[in-house]
Amino acid sequence: AENLRVEARKCAWLILWLDCDREGENIAFEVIDVCTKIKPSLRVLRARFSALSLNDVTRALNNLVIPNENESKAVDMRQEIDLRLGA
């Protein structure tokens, strides 16, 4: 987390390149939380891609999106249910 705090101080933008699934979205919000505590004005976007090919990465960069908090919350709720049910 300290590395994120150090880098966030230097940035105006944060573009998150994580797995394109709910768990990736959940990790994105953990990163966002750390970074925006240091720099609240940070502009945060998310790249959505399915492969590390030139076409997919270029398409993701040209179509950045706002991270989806509902997907992140769904992971939190699933974890809570798993803990309560002992799964």
Protein backbone atom coordinates (compact mmCIF):
# COMPACT_ATOMS: atom_id res chain seq x y z
CA ALA A 1 0.00 0.00 0.00
CA GLU A 2 2.88 2.37 0.67
CA ASN A 3 3.99 2.09 -2.95
CA LEU A 4 0.49 3.12 -4.07
CA ARG A 5 0.54 6.12 -1.73
CA VAL A 6 3.94 7.26 -3.02
CA GLU A 7 2.88 6.97 -6.66
CA ALA A 8 -0.56 8.55 -6.10
CA ARG A 9 1.07 11.78 -4.92
CA LYS A 10 2.68 12.19 -8.36
CA CYS A 11 -0.37 11.41 -10.50
CA ALA A 12 -3.39 13.22 -11.87
CA TRP A 13 -4.91 10.05 -13.36
CA LEU A 14 -5.21 6.46 -12.21
CA ILE A 15 -6.04 3.92 -14.90
CA LEU A 16 -6.69 0.49 -13.45
CA TRP A 17 -5.65 -2.53 -15.52
CA LEU A 18 -6.95 -5.51 -13.53
CA ASP A 19 -8.75 -8.75 -14.35
CA CYS A 20 -12.04 -8.01 -16.07
CA ASP A 21 -14.26 -9.72 -13.51
CA ARG A 22 -15.93 -8.89 -10.20
CA GLU A 23 -12.84 -9.74 -8.18
CA GLY A 24 -10.80 -7.41 -10.37
CA GLU A 25 -13.38 -4.69 -9.77
CA ASN A 26 -13.16 -5.31 -6.03
CA ILE A 27 -9.37 -4.99 -6.08
CA ALA A 28 -9.79 -1.81 -8.12
CA PHE A 29 -11.82 -0.24 -5.32
CA GLU A 30 -9.22 -1.26 -2.74
CA VAL A 31 -6.59 0.55 -4.83
CA ILE A 32 -8.90 3.54 -5.36
CA ASP A 33 -9.47 3.82 -1.61
CA VAL A 34 -5.72 3.92 -0.84
CA CYS A 35 -4.90 6.37 -3.63
CA THR A 36 -7.77 8.83 -3.19
CA LYS A 37 -7.06 9.16 0.53
CA ILE A 38 -3.71 10.61 -0.50
CA LYS A 39 -4.99 12.55 -3.51
CA PRO A 40 -8.78 13.11 -3.54
CA SER A 41 -8.63 14.92 -6.90
CA LEU A 42 -7.28 11.81 -8.66
CA ARG A 43 -9.21 10.99 -11.84
CA VAL A 44 -9.90 7.22 -11.83
CA LEU A 45 -10.80 5.09 -14.86
CA ARG A 46 -10.76 1.38 -15.61
CA ALA A 47 -9.52 -0.52 -18.64
CA ARG A 48 -11.59 -3.55 -19.64
CA PHE A 49 -9.78 -6.17 -21.68
CA SER A 50 -9.77 -9.92 -22.10
CA ALA A 51 -6.29 -10.54 -23.54
CA LEU A 52 -2.90 -8.90 -23.66
CA SER A 53 -2.92 -8.53 -27.41
CA LEU A 54 -2.22 -5.22 -29.14
CA ASN A 55 -5.82 -5.01 -30.38
CA ASP A 56 -7.40 -5.70 -26.97
CA VAL A 57 -5.10 -3.33 -25.09
CA THR A 58 -5.60 -0.56 -27.66
CA ARG A 59 -9.37 -1.05 -27.57
CA ALA A 60 -9.35 -0.94 -23.75
CA LEU A 61 -7.28 2.25 -23.70
CA ASN A 62 -9.63 3.91 -26.18
CA ASN A 63 -12.72 2.86 -24.17
CA LEU A 64 -11.87 3.53 -20.54
CA VAL A 65 -14.80 3.34 -18.11
CA ILE A 66 -15.64 4.46 -14.61
CA PRO A 67 -15.11 1.57 -12.17
CA ASN A 68 -18.33 -0.22 -11.21
CA GLU A 69 -18.90 0.01 -7.46
CA ASN A 70 -21.88 -2.36 -7.59
CA GLU A 71 -19.71 -5.18 -8.93
CA SER A 72 -17.23 -4.54 -6.13
CA LYS A 73 -19.98 -4.55 -3.50
CA ALA A 74 -21.29 -7.84 -4.91
CA VAL A 75 -17.93 -9.44 -4.11
CA ASP A 76 -18.00 -8.02 -0.59
CA MET A 77 -21.50 -9.41 -0.05
CA ARG A 78 -20.56 -12.83 -1.42
CA GLN A 79 -17.59 -12.95 0.96
CA GLU A 80 -19.83 -11.97 3.88
CA ILE A 81 -22.37 -14.66 3.02
CA ASP A 82 -19.60 -17.26 2.65
CA LEU A 83 -18.27 -16.35 6.10
CA ARG A 84 -21.69 -16.52 7.72
CA LEU A 85 -22.60 -19.82 6.11
CA GLY A 86 -19.17 -21.34 6.60
CA ALA A 87 -18.58 -22.00 2.91
